[in-house]
């Protein structure tokens, strides 16, 4: 590599360009580009590297002058909070071998990352040690995907994705350890460096689209009922032709009926200041089987962009059965041979007492609370009560909620007549 300079938008006016050692991995001019392949989701940074000096007159490499051991450095300037990969691999061209880079936060300080424009940060990577051979004219391509940073309010990323990149190289030998601190201006002599960093160009303002789907709080439903699970769609874009979306839904609840009445989404006109479209809601309708096992299940909605990007969100559906409870002991009326049961119900529905020898009794509560049902004997049970002064009954209490499958509970009662 012939010359190395620090990031051009970070440099002070008095910065000096210096000649670096003759072997290194350099940057192919104009190879850095940005894309959001799926129309939503991660932003991909692409650049191409050379062994030795990248020629300025053609997109090719000049080759190394010397053989040595070295490490390569990569840096990506991205919006703060962007989701960075832990490793990056330079994919080799003919004759080359892969170069693996690991995340290294020292590079940001070494490149004066604190002087970046507000809202941006430098994410650095240092490669494993590799060998360079004199005369090598090798090439690599690098693709690094960064997830869009979450907005402060948890919504969609609303703005352009500002980015640029940095490359660097450093020699590794008996004097220069691979574990030494990173230094972008590590001098070997008046005219050469043991390491150096160089910007690949000015900041790029790249338009992106982002869809964030927010789930509701856990939705509770009785077995045998229908549930509505609302998902909020938060969309932002700074591209002239935003993607459209196809929606699909599913659930881990066995044999559940799942419907999505509105299976598509197009973001409304974005606000010119925030770049966000008006919030939208899509309801997933779930029909719960009457024999569903109580538990918590997933309800999932998936949005697929017209360019192929996918966003998935999951909500929790809690399936329960209504519970009825007997309060206290049956209150006997020996004068007329009846008993009063106090029953606590969980909500609106119909509570019915019936069974062999039991006169049917029913109440229809409009809300949760305590109900009193009078248990009376009939037929042979009534005759036994009159003849013997007592009779044992097993009234069955059935509660049918206003939505959902019924539950039953038996309460043995001995009626007495005196």
Protein backbone atom coordinates (compact mmCIF):
# COMPACT_ATOMS: atom_id res chain seq x y z
CA UNK A 1 0.00 0.00 0.00
CA UNK A 2 1.47 3.36 -1.01
CA UNK A 3 -0.24 5.89 1.23
CA UNK A 4 -2.56 5.87 4.21
CA UNK A 5 -4.79 8.59 5.55
CA UNK A 6 -7.29 8.77 8.36
CA UNK A 7 -11.00 9.28 7.78
CA UNK A 8 -11.27 12.40 5.67
CA UNK A 9 -14.18 13.83 7.66
CA UNK A 10 -12.34 13.25 10.94
CA UNK A 11 -8.92 14.61 9.98
CA UNK A 12 -7.66 17.91 11.25
CA UNK A 13 -6.49 20.29 8.54
CA UNK A 14 -2.86 19.65 9.47
CA UNK A 15 -3.05 15.87 9.05
CA UNK A 16 -0.09 14.38 7.22
CA UNK A 17 -0.25 11.55 4.66
CA UNK A 18 2.49 9.02 5.18
CA UNK A 19 3.93 6.08 3.29
CA UNK A 20 3.12 2.70 4.81
CA UNK A 21 5.11 -0.49 4.60
CA UNK A 22 5.11 -2.07 1.18
CA UNK A 23 2.93 -5.08 1.95
CA UNK A 24 -0.71 -4.75 3.00
CA UNK A 25 -4.38 -5.25 2.15
CA UNK A 26 -5.77 -2.18 0.44
CA UNK A 27 -9.09 -0.87 -0.80
CA UNK A 28 -10.24 -1.04 -4.43
CA UNK A 29 -11.32 2.49 -5.36
CA UNK A 30 -15.06 3.12 -5.64
CA UNK A 31 -15.96 -0.43 -4.56
CA UNK A 32 -17.78 0.62 -1.39
CA UNK A 33 -21.56 0.54 -1.81
CA UNK A 34 -24.66 0.18 0.33
CA UNK A 35 -27.89 -1.76 -0.22
CA UNK A 36 -31.00 -2.91 1.59
CA UNK A 37 -31.55 -6.08 -0.39
CA UNK A 38 -34.91 -7.09 1.02
CA UNK A 39 -36.42 -3.61 0.89
CA UNK A 40 -36.52 -3.70 4.70
CA UNK A 41 -34.27 -5.11 7.38
CA UNK A 42 -30.46 -5.08 7.53
CA UNK A 43 -28.29 -2.73 5.48
CA UNK A 44 -25.44 -4.42 3.64
CA UNK A 45 -22.08 -2.70 3.18
CA UNK A 46 -19.92 -4.05 0.36
CA UNK A 47 -16.31 -3.30 -0.45
CA UNK A 48 -13.45 -5.01 -2.23
CA UNK A 49 -9.88 -5.42 -1.02
CA UNK A 50 -6.50 -5.96 -2.72
CA UNK A 51 -3.15 -7.33 -1.69
CA UNK A 52 -0.71 -4.49 -2.10
CA UNK A 53 -1.75 -1.19 -3.60
CA UNK A 54 -5.05 -0.76 -5.42
CA UNK A 55 -4.43 0.88 -8.79
CA UNK A 56 -6.18 4.18 -9.33
CA UNK A 57 -6.49 3.76 -13.09
CA UNK A 58 -8.36 0.46 -13.07
CA UNK A 59 -10.18 -1.73 -10.56
CA UNK A 60 -7.24 -4.08 -10.03
CA UNK A 61 -4.40 -4.67 -7.61
CA UNK A 62 -0.68 -3.93 -7.97
CA UNK A 63 0.60 -6.70 -5.69
CA UNK A 64 2.87 -6.82 -2.65
CA UNK A 65 6.53 -5.79 -2.69
CA UNK A 66 7.49 -7.92 0.29
CA UNK A 67 6.57 -11.09 2.16
CA UNK A 68 5.50 -10.75 5.79
CA UNK A 69 2.89 -11.50 8.43
CA UNK A 70 0.12 -8.96 8.95
CA UNK A 71 -3.32 -8.14 10.25
CA UNK A 72 -6.02 -6.21 8.44
CA UNK A 73 -8.46 -3.76 10.00
CA UNK A 74 -11.98 -2.80 8.93
CA UNK A 75 -14.23 -0.10 10.28
CA UNK A 76 -17.81 0.82 9.43
CA UNK A 77 -19.39 4.13 10.32
CA UNK A 78 -23.05 3.55 11.12
CA UNK A 79 -25.89 5.16 13.10
CA UNK A 80 -25.50 4.59 16.83
CA UNK A 81 -27.30 1.49 18.04
CA UNK A 82 -27.00 -0.34 14.71
CA UNK A 83 -26.85 -4.10 15.24
CA UNK A 84 -23.34 -5.09 14.23
CA UNK A 85 -22.12 -8.58 13.33
CA UNK A 86 -19.63 -10.18 15.71
CA UNK A 87 -17.40 -11.29 12.82
CA UNK A 88 -16.84 -10.34 9.20
CA UNK A 89 -15.21 -12.52 6.56
CA UNK A 90 -13.36 -11.29 3.49
CA UNK A 91 -14.30 -13.80 0.79
CA UNK A 92 -11.26 -14.64 -1.36
CA UNK A 93 -10.86 -14.42 -5.07
CA UNK A 94 -8.68 -16.85 -7.07
CA UNK A 95 -5.52 -17.87 -5.22
CA UNK A 96 -6.42 -16.11 -1.97
CA UNK A 97 -7.61 -17.51 1.35
CA UNK A 98 -10.41 -16.10 3.54
CA UNK A 99 -9.57 -13.38 6.05
CA UNK A 100 -11.68 -13.51 9.20
CA UNK A 101 -12.23 -10.32 11.20
CA UNK A 102 -13.39 -10.19 14.82
CA UNK A 103 -15.15 -7.23 16.44
CA UNK A 104 -12.60 -4.93 18.07
CA UNK A 105 -13.63 -1.75 19.85
CA UNK A 106 -10.08 -0.35 20.02
CA UNK A 107 -10.24 0.73 16.39
CA UNK A 108 -12.86 3.38 17.11
CA UNK A 109 -10.55 5.15 19.55
CA UNK A 110 -7.53 4.66 17.31
CA UNK A 111 -9.35 6.38 14.43
CA UNK A 112 -10.63 9.25 16.59
CA UNK A 113 -14.17 7.94 16.32
CA UNK A 114 -15.30 10.35 19.02
CA UNK A 115 -15.05 13.13 16.42
CA UNK A 116 -17.68 11.62 14.16
CA UNK A 117 -20.83 13.62 13.42
CA UNK A 118 -23.50 13.32 16.13
CA UNK A 119 -25.52 10.14 16.05
CA UNK A 120 -22.83 8.04 14.35
CA UNK A 121 -20.28 5.55 15.63
CA UNK A 122 -17.40 3.56 14.23
CA UNK A 123 -17.59 -0.22 14.59
CA UNK A 124 -14.16 -1.80 14.21
CA UNK A 125 -12.85 -5.24 13.27
CA UNK A 126 -9.35 -6.76 13.47
CA UNK A 127 -8.40 -9.77 11.39
CA UNK A 128 -6.56 -12.87 12.41
CA UNK A 129 -2.88 -12.96 11.42
CA UNK A 130 -2.32 -13.93 7.80
CA UNK A 131 0.68 -14.25 5.47
CA UNK A 132 1.51 -11.91 2.60
CA UNK A 133 3.80 -13.02 -0.20
CA UNK A 134 5.82 -10.75 -2.45
CA UNK A 135 4.20 -10.41 -5.85
CA UNK A 136 0.72 -11.45 -4.68
CA UNK A 137 -2.05 -9.79 -6.65
CA UNK A 138 -5.01 -11.13 -4.68
CA UNK A 139 -8.49 -9.82 -4.13
CA UNK A 140 -11.27 -10.24 -1.57
CA UNK A 141 -14.85 -9.08 -1.26
CA UNK A 142 -16.45 -8.06 2.02
CA UNK A 143 -20.17 -7.96 2.80
CA UNK A 144 -21.17 -6.85 6.28
CA UNK A 145 -24.82 -6.60 7.33
CA UNK A 146 -25.87 -4.15 10.03
CA UNK A 147 -29.34 -4.24 11.54
CA UNK A 148 -31.17 -0.94 11.69
CA UNK A 149 -30.96 0.66 15.14
CA UNK A 150 -34.16 0.70 17.19
CA UNK A 151 -35.74 4.10 17.65
CA UNK A 152 -35.79 5.61 21.14
CA UNK A 153 -39.53 4.95 21.39
CA UNK A 154 -39.14 1.36 20.21
CA UNK A 155 -40.67 2.16 16.83
CA UNK A 156 -39.29 2.13 13.30
CA UNK A 157 -35.94 3.64 12.33
CA UNK A 158 -36.97 6.89 10.68
CA UNK A 159 -34.23 8.43 8.58
CA UNK A 160 -31.42 7.83 6.14
CA UNK A 161 -28.71 5.33 7.00
CA UNK A 162 -25.46 7.31 7.10
CA UNK A 163 -22.39 5.21 6.52
CA UNK A 164 -18.82 4.99 5.31
CA UNK A 165 -15.93 2.62 5.88
CA UNK A 166 -12.34 2.51 7.02
CA UNK A 167 -9.55 0.08 6.19
CA UNK A 168 -6.26 -0.50 7.93
CA UNK A 169 -3.23 -2.75 8.01
CA UNK A 170 -0.46 -3.53 10.44
CA UNK A 171 2.65 -5.66 10.33
CA UNK A 172 3.12 -8.58 12.73
CA UNK A 173 6.70 -9.69 13.44
CA UNK A 174 9.15 -10.17 16.28
CA UNK A 175 8.94 -6.48 17.12
CA UNK A 176 5.23 -5.97 16.54
CA UNK A 177 2.96 -8.38 18.42
CA UNK A 178 -0.52 -9.29 17.21
CA UNK A 179 -1.79 -8.50 20.72
CA UNK A 180 -0.45 -4.94 20.84
CA UNK A 181 -2.88 -2.02 21.02
CA UNK A 182 -4.30 -0.75 17.74
CA UNK A 183 -2.67 2.41 16.46
CA UNK A 184 -3.64 4.00 13.16
CA UNK A 185 -0.36 5.96 13.00
CA UNK A 186 2.26 3.51 14.24
CA UNK A 187 5.59 4.76 12.87
CA UNK A 188 8.49 2.52 11.88
CA UNK A 189 10.59 5.34 10.55
CA UNK A 190 10.31 8.86 9.13
CA UNK A 191 8.78 7.59 5.88
CA UNK A 192 6.94 4.41 6.83
CA UNK A 193 4.35 3.04 9.22
CA UNK A 194 4.05 -0.28 11.03
CA UNK A 195 0.30 0.27 10.74
CA UNK A 196 -2.07 2.76 9.19
CA UNK A 197 -5.78 3.44 8.56
CA UNK A 198 -7.49 4.96 5.56
CA UNK A 199 -10.98 6.18 4.77
CA UNK A 200 -12.73 4.71 1.74
CA UNK A 201 -14.65 7.93 1.07
CA UNK A 202 -17.23 10.44 2.19
CA UNK A 203 -20.33 9.60 4.20
CA UNK A 204 -23.14 8.04 2.19
CA UNK A 205 -26.74 9.03 2.92
CA UNK A 206 -28.68 5.90 2.04
CA UNK A 207 -32.48 5.79 2.07
CA UNK A 208 -34.05 2.82 3.85
CA UNK A 209 -37.43 1.42 4.84
CA UNK A 210 -38.22 -0.12 8.20
CA UNK A 211 -41.25 -1.99 9.52
CA UNK A 212 -41.63 -2.68 13.24
CA UNK A 213 -44.52 -4.88 14.32
CA UNK A 214 -45.54 -4.51 17.94
CA UNK A 215 -47.45 -7.30 19.72
CA UNK A 216 -50.22 -6.72 22.24
CA UNK A 217 -50.03 -7.68 25.87
CA UNK A 218 -50.98 -11.29 26.50
CA UNK A 219 -54.50 -11.99 25.23
CA UNK A 220 -56.61 -14.30 27.41
CA UNK A 221 -59.43 -16.42 26.03
CA UNK A 222 -61.57 -19.33 27.19
CA UNK A 223 -61.36 -22.66 25.40
CA UNK A 224 -64.13 -22.78 22.81
CA UNK A 225 -64.16 -19.00 22.32
CA UNK A 226 -62.75 -16.65 19.68
CA UNK A 227 -59.91 -14.22 20.33
CA UNK A 228 -58.79 -11.09 18.51
CA UNK A 229 -55.03 -10.51 18.65
CA UNK A 230 -54.17 -6.97 17.45
CA UNK A 231 -50.71 -6.20 16.04
CA UNK A 232 -49.52 -2.62 15.54
CA UNK A 233 -47.58 -1.88 12.33
CA UNK A 234 -45.07 0.98 12.55
CA UNK A 235 -43.57 1.83 9.15
CA UNK A 236 -41.00 4.45 8.14
CA UNK A 237 -39.27 5.12 4.84
CA UNK A 238 -36.94 7.53 3.09
CA UNK A 239 -37.05 5.84 -0.32
CA UNK A 240 -39.09 7.11 -3.29
CA UNK A 241 -40.82 3.75 -3.92
CA UNK A 242 -41.51 2.03 -0.58
CA UNK A 243 -42.19 -1.72 -0.49
CA UNK A 244 -45.63 -3.24 -0.09
CA UNK A 245 -46.27 -6.21 2.20
CA UNK A 246 -48.08 -9.53 2.14
CA UNK A 247 -49.21 -10.70 5.57
CA UNK A 248 -49.70 -14.19 6.97
CA UNK A 249 -50.58 -15.49 10.43
CA UNK A 250 -50.33 -18.70 12.38
CA UNK A 251 -50.47 -20.17 15.89
CA UNK A 252 -48.89 -22.95 17.91
CA UNK A 253 -52.30 -23.77 19.39
CA UNK A 254 -53.23 -27.21 17.96
CA UNK A 255 -56.26 -27.24 15.64
CA UNK A 256 -56.90 -23.54 16.15
CA UNK A 257 -58.63 -21.61 13.39
CA UNK A 258 -56.48 -18.63 12.39
CA UNK A 259 -57.69 -15.89 10.07
CA UNK A 260 -56.22 -12.57 8.98
CA UNK A 261 -59.05 -10.48 7.48
CA UNK A 262 -56.59 -7.93 5.99
CA UNK A 263 -53.68 -9.95 4.53
CA UNK A 264 -51.74 -7.02 3.06
CA UNK A 265 -50.22 -3.73 4.14
CA UNK A 266 -49.18 -0.56 2.37
CA UNK A 267 -47.72 2.21 4.48
CA UNK A 268 -49.59 5.50 4.29
CA UNK A 269 -47.91 8.74 3.20
CA UNK A 270 -44.92 9.29 5.54
CA UNK A 271 -44.69 12.43 7.63
CA UNK A 272 -42.13 14.72 5.94
CA UNK A 273 -40.41 15.37 9.26
CA UNK A 274 -40.46 11.97 10.98
CA UNK A 275 -40.64 9.86 7.79
CA UNK A 276 -43.15 7.62 9.56
CA UNK A 277 -46.48 6.50 8.15
CA UNK A 278 -49.60 6.57 10.36
CA UNK A 279 -49.75 3.57 12.67
CA UNK A 280 -51.81 0.69 11.34
CA UNK A 281 -53.37 -2.34 13.05
CA UNK A 282 -53.92 -5.85 11.74
CA UNK A 283 -56.10 -8.22 13.78
CA UNK A 284 -55.46 -11.93 13.85
CA UNK A 285 -58.65 -13.88 14.61
CA UNK A 286 -58.14 -17.13 16.51
CA UNK A 287 -60.87 -19.71 17.06
CA UNK A 288 -59.93 -21.82 20.08
CA UNK A 289 -61.07 -25.47 20.06
CA UNK A 290 -63.45 -26.34 22.91
CA UNK A 291 -61.10 -29.13 23.99
CA UNK A 292 -57.97 -26.95 23.91
CA UNK A 293 -55.56 -27.61 26.74
CA UNK A 294 -55.10 -24.60 29.02
CA UNK A 295 -51.74 -22.94 28.49
CA UNK A 296 -49.95 -20.10 26.72
CA UNK A 297 -49.50 -20.32 22.96
CA UNK A 298 -47.87 -18.22 20.25
CA UNK A 299 -49.78 -16.22 17.66
CA UNK A 300 -47.48 -15.06 14.89
CA UNK A 301 -47.84 -12.50 12.11
CA UNK A 302 -45.34 -12.34 9.24
CA UNK A 303 -44.94 -9.45 6.82
CA UNK A 304 -43.10 -10.18 3.55
CA UNK A 305 -41.95 -7.15 1.57
CA UNK A 306 -42.29 -7.02 -2.18
CA UNK A 307 -38.48 -7.12 -2.37
CA UNK A 308 -38.27 -10.23 -0.18
CA UNK A 309 -37.50 -8.87 3.29
CA UNK A 310 -39.39 -10.49 6.14
CA UNK A 311 -40.53 -9.19 9.54
CA UNK A 312 -42.11 -11.54 12.08
CA UNK A 313 -43.68 -10.79 15.43
CA UNK A 314 -45.19 -13.09 18.04
CA UNK A 315 -47.91 -12.44 20.61
CA UNK A 316 -48.96 -14.65 23.52
CA UNK A 317 -52.41 -16.21 23.72
CA UNK A 318 -53.38 -17.58 27.12
CA UNK A 319 -56.07 -20.26 26.95
CA UNK A 320 -57.99 -20.90 30.16
CA UNK A 321 -61.21 -22.50 31.33
CA UNK A 322 -63.67 -20.71 33.60
CA UNK A 323 -63.47 -21.69 37.25
CA UNK A 324 -66.47 -21.85 39.54
CA UNK A 325 -66.06 -22.08 43.28
CA UNK A 326 -68.42 -23.02 46.08
CA UNK A 327 -68.42 -20.50 48.90
CA UNK A 328 -68.97 -21.93 52.35
CA UNK A 329 -71.22 -24.91 53.14
CA UNK A 330 -74.73 -25.51 51.75
CA UNK A 331 -77.30 -23.68 53.85
CA UNK A 332 -80.10 -26.11 54.74
CA UNK A 333 -83.74 -25.14 55.19
CA UNK A 334 -85.18 -28.04 57.17
CA UNK A 335 -88.64 -26.53 57.20
CA UNK A 336 -89.14 -27.03 53.47
CA UNK A 337 -86.35 -29.55 52.69
CA UNK A 338 -84.16 -27.37 50.47
CA UNK A 339 -80.55 -26.17 50.42
CA UNK A 340 -78.95 -23.00 49.15
CA UNK A 341 -75.57 -23.13 47.42
CA UNK A 342 -73.41 -20.01 47.08
CA UNK A 343 -71.33 -20.18 43.90
CA UNK A 344 -68.64 -17.76 42.74
CA UNK A 345 -68.54 -17.30 38.93
CA UNK A 346 -65.73 -15.63 36.89
CA UNK A 347 -67.91 -13.51 34.61
CA UNK A 348 -71.03 -13.24 32.48
CA UNK A 349 -72.75 -16.41 31.40
CA UNK A 350 -75.30 -18.98 32.55
CA UNK A 351 -75.13 -21.02 35.76
CA UNK A 352 -77.35 -24.10 35.91
CA UNK A 353 -77.95 -26.68 38.63
CA UNK A 354 -79.42 -30.03 37.54
CA UNK A 355 -79.05 -33.77 37.98
CA UNK A 356 -80.90 -36.90 39.01
CA UNK A 357 -83.64 -36.02 41.47
CA UNK A 358 -82.79 -32.28 41.29
CA UNK A 359 -85.18 -29.55 40.23
CA UNK A 360 -83.41 -27.50 37.56
CA UNK A 361 -82.32 -24.03 38.75
CA UNK A 362 -80.67 -21.36 36.64
CA UNK A 363 -79.24 -17.86 36.86
CA UNK A 364 -77.61 -15.60 34.25
CA UNK A 365 -74.97 -13.34 35.76
CA UNK A 366 -73.82 -10.29 33.79
CA UNK A 367 -70.47 -10.10 35.54
CA UNK A 368 -68.23 -11.94 37.97
CA UNK A 369 -69.62 -12.41 41.43
CA UNK A 370 -71.45 -14.67 43.89
CA UNK A 371 -74.75 -16.34 43.05
CA UNK A 372 -77.21 -18.30 45.21
CA UNK A 373 -79.01 -21.35 43.81
CA UNK A 374 -81.75 -23.26 45.66
CA UNK A 375 -81.50 -27.02 45.42
CA UNK A 376 -84.83 -28.87 45.55
CA UNK A 377 -85.64 -32.56 45.26
CA UNK A 378 -88.12 -34.05 42.78
CA UNK A 379 -89.63 -37.40 41.90
CA UNK A 380 -88.35 -40.41 43.83
CA UNK A 381 -85.83 -38.24 45.67
CA UNK A 382 -88.64 -36.01 46.95
CA UNK A 383 -90.64 -39.06 48.07
CA UNK A 384 -87.58 -40.37 49.93
CA UNK A 385 -87.10 -36.98 51.61
CA UNK A 386 -90.74 -36.96 52.78
CA UNK A 387 -90.61 -40.56 53.97
CA UNK A 388 -87.20 -40.63 55.65
CA UNK A 389 -86.61 -36.97 56.48
CA UNK A 390 -83.43 -36.79 54.40
CA UNK A 391 -82.08 -37.55 50.92
CA UNK A 392 -78.66 -37.40 49.35
CA UNK A 393 -78.37 -35.55 46.04
CA UNK A 394 -75.47 -34.82 43.67
CA UNK A 395 -76.46 -31.65 41.85
CA UNK A 396 -74.25 -30.80 38.88
CA UNK A 397 -73.38 -27.13 38.54
CA UNK A 398 -72.71 -26.11 34.95
CA UNK A 399 -71.34 -22.71 34.02
CA UNK A 400 -71.45 -21.64 30.37
CA UNK A 401 -69.52 -18.38 29.86
CA UNK A 402 -70.89 -15.87 27.37
CA UNK A 403 -68.01 -16.94 25.08
CA UNK A 404 -66.34 -20.30 25.47
CA UNK A 405 -66.94 -23.90 26.47
CA UNK A 406 -68.89 -24.82 29.61
CA UNK A 407 -67.41 -26.27 32.78
CA UNK A 408 -69.16 -28.44 35.35
CA UNK A 409 -68.70 -29.20 39.01
CA UNK A 410 -70.58 -31.55 41.33
CA UNK A 411 -71.51 -30.68 44.90
CA UNK A 412 -73.03 -33.46 47.05
CA UNK A 413 -75.83 -32.18 49.27
CA UNK A 414 -77.99 -33.90 51.86
CA UNK A 415 -81.42 -32.33 52.12
CA UNK A 416 -83.24 -32.63 55.44
CA UNK A 417 -86.90 -32.21 56.30
CA UNK A 418 -88.19 -31.89 59.86
